[in-house]
Amino acid sequence: MPRRYFHFQNGGTTLDSEGVDLPDMATTRTEAARTIAEMLREDEIDTLWHGHPLRLWVTEGPNGAGKTVLALRVVTDVNSQ
């Protein structure tokens, strides 16, 4: 079972050194979507409204190393209204 590492950037960067075993890409996509949704429900959303994109990327190696297998980015256009 492949080990996937979930990294975050939102004004600062958090790299995953432990990872999680996931059976396939479908499960990896589901876990990434759940993680982003949870971050948006919690305190990570405050920096998003101040112009800092929220980025999650998943790699095959720890600490941002290895092939990136998935990336999600949430941005706001604070200038449009």
N, C-alpha and C. Protein backbone atom coordinates (compact mmCIF):
# COMPACT_ATOMS: atom_id res chain seq x y z
N MET A 1 0.86 -1.17 0.00
CA MET A 1 0.00 0.00 0.00
C MET A 1 0.91 1.24 0.00
N PRO A 2 0.67 2.17 -0.92
CA PRO A 2 1.53 3.36 -0.99
C PRO A 2 1.34 4.28 0.21
N ARG A 3 2.42 4.87 0.64
CA ARG A 3 2.39 5.88 1.69
C ARG A 3 2.34 7.24 1.03
N ARG A 4 1.41 8.09 1.46
CA ARG A 4 1.24 9.44 0.92
C ARG A 4 1.51 10.46 2.02
N TYR A 5 2.10 11.57 1.63
CA TYR A 5 2.47 12.64 2.57
C TYR A 5 1.72 13.91 2.18
N PHE A 6 1.00 14.48 3.15
CA PHE A 6 0.15 15.64 2.92
C PHE A 6 0.84 16.89 3.48
N HIS A 7 1.12 17.84 2.60
CA HIS A 7 1.82 19.07 2.97
C HIS A 7 0.88 20.26 2.77
N PHE A 8 1.10 21.32 3.55
CA PHE A 8 0.21 22.48 3.52
C PHE A 8 1.00 23.77 3.41
N GLN A 9 0.39 24.73 2.74
CA GLN A 9 0.95 26.08 2.70
C GLN A 9 -0.20 27.06 2.82
N ASN A 10 -0.08 27.96 3.79
CA ASN A 10 -1.11 28.97 4.02
C ASN A 10 -0.48 30.08 4.85
N GLY A 11 0.32 30.90 4.19
CA GLY A 11 1.08 31.91 4.91
C GLY A 11 2.38 31.33 5.44
N GLY A 12 2.41 30.08 5.74
CA GLY A 12 3.59 29.33 6.17
C GLY A 12 3.49 27.93 5.58
N THR A 13 4.52 27.15 5.72
CA THR A 13 4.54 25.81 5.13
C THR A 13 4.68 24.76 6.22
N THR A 14 3.87 23.71 6.12
CA THR A 14 3.95 22.57 7.02
C THR A 14 4.19 21.32 6.17
N LEU A 15 5.32 20.67 6.40
CA LEU A 15 5.66 19.47 5.65
C LEU A 15 5.41 18.23 6.51
N ASP A 16 4.85 17.23 5.89
CA ASP A 16 4.51 15.97 6.55
C ASP A 16 5.71 15.03 6.49
N SER A 17 6.15 14.56 7.64
CA SER A 17 7.27 13.62 7.68
C SER A 17 6.81 12.19 8.00
N GLU A 18 5.55 12.02 8.37
CA GLU A 18 5.05 10.70 8.77
C GLU A 18 4.25 10.00 7.67
N GLY A 19 3.36 10.71 7.03
CA GLY A 19 2.55 10.14 5.96
C GLY A 19 1.46 9.21 6.46
N VAL A 20 0.69 8.73 5.50
CA VAL A 20 -0.40 7.80 5.79
C VAL A 20 -0.48 6.80 4.63
N ASP A 21 -0.77 5.55 4.96
CA ASP A 21 -0.93 4.52 3.93
C ASP A 21 -2.33 4.62 3.33
N LEU A 22 -2.39 4.76 2.01
CA LEU A 22 -3.67 4.83 1.31
C LEU A 22 -3.64 3.84 0.15
N PRO A 23 -4.72 3.12 -0.07
CA PRO A 23 -4.69 2.02 -1.04
C PRO A 23 -4.62 2.43 -2.51
N ASP A 24 -5.16 3.62 -2.85
CA ASP A 24 -5.20 4.00 -4.26
C ASP A 24 -5.40 5.50 -4.40
N MET A 25 -5.39 5.97 -5.66
CA MET A 25 -5.53 7.42 -5.91
C MET A 25 -6.93 7.92 -5.57
N ALA A 26 -7.94 7.10 -5.75
CA ALA A 26 -9.30 7.53 -5.40
C ALA A 26 -9.39 7.85 -3.91
N THR A 27 -8.79 7.01 -3.09
CA THR A 27 -8.78 7.26 -1.65
C THR A 27 -7.92 8.47 -1.31
N THR A 28 -6.82 8.65 -2.02
CA THR A 28 -5.96 9.82 -1.82
C THR A 28 -6.72 11.10 -2.14
N ARG A 29 -7.46 11.12 -3.25
CA ARG A 29 -8.26 12.30 -3.62
C ARG A 29 -9.32 12.59 -2.57
N THR A 30 -10.00 11.56 -2.11
CA THR A 30 -11.03 11.74 -1.08
C THR A 30 -10.44 12.31 0.19
N GLU A 31 -9.31 11.77 0.62
CA GLU A 31 -8.66 12.25 1.85
C GLU A 31 -8.19 13.70 1.69
N ALA A 32 -7.67 14.05 0.52
CA ALA A 32 -7.23 15.42 0.28
C ALA A 32 -8.42 16.39 0.32
N ALA A 33 -9.53 16.01 -0.29
CA ALA A 33 -10.72 16.87 -0.27
C ALA A 33 -11.26 17.03 1.14
N ARG A 34 -11.29 15.96 1.90
CA ARG A 34 -11.75 16.03 3.30
C ARG A 34 -10.83 16.93 4.14
N THR A 35 -9.54 16.81 3.90
CA THR A 35 -8.57 17.61 4.66
C THR A 35 -8.74 19.09 4.36
N ILE A 36 -8.85 19.45 3.08
CA ILE A 36 -9.05 20.86 2.70
C ILE A 36 -10.35 21.39 3.29
N ALA A 37 -11.42 20.60 3.21
CA ALA A 37 -12.70 21.02 3.76
C ALA A 37 -12.60 21.27 5.27
N GLU A 38 -11.92 20.39 5.97
CA GLU A 38 -11.75 20.55 7.41
C GLU A 38 -10.94 21.81 7.73
N MET A 39 -9.90 22.06 6.95
CA MET A 39 -9.09 23.26 7.16
C MET A 39 -9.92 24.52 6.95
N LEU A 40 -10.80 24.51 5.96
CA LEU A 40 -11.63 25.67 5.68
C LEU A 40 -12.68 25.89 6.78
N ARG A 41 -13.11 24.82 7.42
CA ARG A 41 -14.07 24.95 8.51
C ARG A 41 -13.40 25.48 9.78
N GLU A 42 -12.10 25.28 9.88
CA GLU A 42 -11.40 25.68 11.09
C GLU A 42 -10.68 27.01 10.88
N ASP A 43 -9.68 27.26 11.63
CA ASP A 43 -9.02 28.57 11.67
C ASP A 43 -8.17 28.90 10.45
N GLU A 44 -7.91 27.95 9.56
CA GLU A 44 -7.09 28.23 8.38
C GLU A 44 -7.76 29.24 7.45
N ILE A 45 -9.06 29.38 7.54
CA ILE A 45 -9.78 30.25 6.61
C ILE A 45 -9.45 31.73 6.83
N ASP A 46 -9.06 32.12 8.02
CA ASP A 46 -8.77 33.53 8.30
C ASP A 46 -7.66 34.07 7.40
N THR A 47 -6.58 33.33 7.22
CA THR A 47 -5.50 33.82 6.37
C THR A 47 -5.90 33.83 4.91
N LEU A 48 -6.81 32.96 4.51
CA LEU A 48 -7.29 32.93 3.14
C LEU A 48 -7.91 34.27 2.76
N TRP A 49 -8.66 34.87 3.65
CA TRP A 49 -9.32 36.15 3.37
C TRP A 49 -8.34 37.32 3.39
N HIS A 50 -7.12 37.07 3.83
CA HIS A 50 -6.10 38.11 3.81
C HIS A 50 -5.13 37.93 2.65
N GLY A 51 -5.55 37.16 1.64
CA GLY A 51 -4.77 37.04 0.42
C GLY A 51 -3.76 35.91 0.38
N HIS A 52 -3.75 35.04 1.38
CA HIS A 52 -2.83 33.90 1.38
C HIS A 52 -3.55 32.67 0.84
N PRO A 53 -3.15 32.16 -0.33
CA PRO A 53 -3.78 30.95 -0.84
C PRO A 53 -3.55 29.77 0.10
N LEU A 54 -4.49 28.89 0.13
CA LEU A 54 -4.37 27.64 0.89
C LEU A 54 -4.00 26.56 -0.12
N ARG A 55 -2.88 25.92 0.10
CA ARG A 55 -2.39 24.90 -0.83
C ARG A 55 -2.13 23.61 -0.07
N LEU A 56 -2.60 22.52 -0.62
CA LEU A 56 -2.32 21.18 -0.11
C LEU A 56 -1.73 20.39 -1.26
N TRP A 57 -0.60 19.74 -1.03
CA TRP A 57 -0.06 18.85 -2.05
C TRP A 57 0.37 17.56 -1.42
N VAL A 58 0.24 16.50 -2.18
CA VAL A 58 0.50 15.15 -1.70
C VAL A 58 1.66 14.58 -2.49
N THR A 59 2.65 14.07 -1.77
CA THR A 59 3.82 13.50 -2.43
C THR A 59 4.03 12.04 -2.04
N GLU A 60 4.92 11.42 -2.77
CA GLU A 60 5.29 10.03 -2.47
C GLU A 60 6.40 9.94 -1.44
N GLY A 61 7.00 11.09 -1.08
CA GLY A 61 8.10 11.09 -0.12
C GLY A 61 7.85 12.07 1.01
N PRO A 62 8.53 11.89 2.13
CA PRO A 62 8.35 12.78 3.28
C PRO A 62 8.95 14.16 3.04
N ASN A 63 8.46 15.12 3.80
CA ASN A 63 9.00 16.48 3.83
C ASN A 63 9.01 17.16 2.46
N GLY A 64 8.02 16.86 1.64
CA GLY A 64 7.89 17.50 0.34
C GLY A 64 8.70 16.84 -0.76
N ALA A 65 9.41 15.75 -0.44
CA ALA A 65 10.25 15.08 -1.43
C ALA A 65 9.43 14.07 -2.23
N GLY A 66 9.99 13.64 -3.31
CA GLY A 66 9.32 12.63 -4.14
C GLY A 66 8.33 13.27 -5.10
N LYS A 67 7.74 12.44 -5.90
CA LYS A 67 6.79 12.87 -6.91
C LYS A 67 5.52 13.44 -6.26
N THR A 68 5.05 14.57 -6.77
CA THR A 68 3.77 15.12 -6.35
C THR A 68 2.68 14.38 -7.11
N VAL A 69 1.75 13.77 -6.38
CA VAL A 69 0.70 12.99 -7.01
C VAL A 69 -0.63 13.72 -7.06
N LEU A 70 -0.76 14.80 -6.28
CA LEU A 70 -2.01 15.55 -6.22
C LEU A 70 -1.74 16.91 -5.60
N ALA A 71 -2.41 17.95 -6.10
CA ALA A 71 -2.29 19.27 -5.49
C ALA A 71 -3.64 19.96 -5.55
N LEU A 72 -4.01 20.62 -4.47
CA LEU A 72 -5.23 21.42 -4.40
C LEU A 72 -4.85 22.82 -3.94
N ARG A 73 -5.49 23.82 -4.52
CA ARG A 73 -5.19 25.20 -4.16
C ARG A 73 -6.51 25.96 -4.08
N VAL A 74 -6.70 26.67 -2.98
CA VAL A 74 -7.88 27.50 -2.78
C VAL A 74 -7.42 28.94 -2.68
N VAL A 75 -7.95 29.80 -3.54
CA VAL A 75 -7.58 31.21 -3.54
C VAL A 75 -8.83 32.06 -3.53
N THR A 76 -8.68 33.25 -3.04
CA THR A 76 -9.76 34.24 -3.11
C THR A 76 -9.28 35.43 -3.88
N ASP A 77 -10.18 36.09 -4.54
CA ASP A 77 -9.87 37.32 -5.23
C ASP A 77 -10.43 38.43 -4.36
N VAL A 78 -9.59 38.94 -3.46
CA VAL A 78 -10.04 39.94 -2.49
C VAL A 78 -10.33 41.27 -3.14
N ASN A 79 -9.93 41.46 -4.40
CA ASN A 79 -10.16 42.72 -5.10
C ASN A 79 -11.49 42.76 -5.84
N SER A 80 -12.13 41.62 -6.05
CA SER A 80 -13.41 41.62 -6.78
C SER A 80 -14.57 41.68 -5.80
N GLN A 81 -15.55 42.47 -6.14
CA GLN A 81 -16.75 42.56 -5.31
C GLN A 81 -17.91 43.01 -6.13
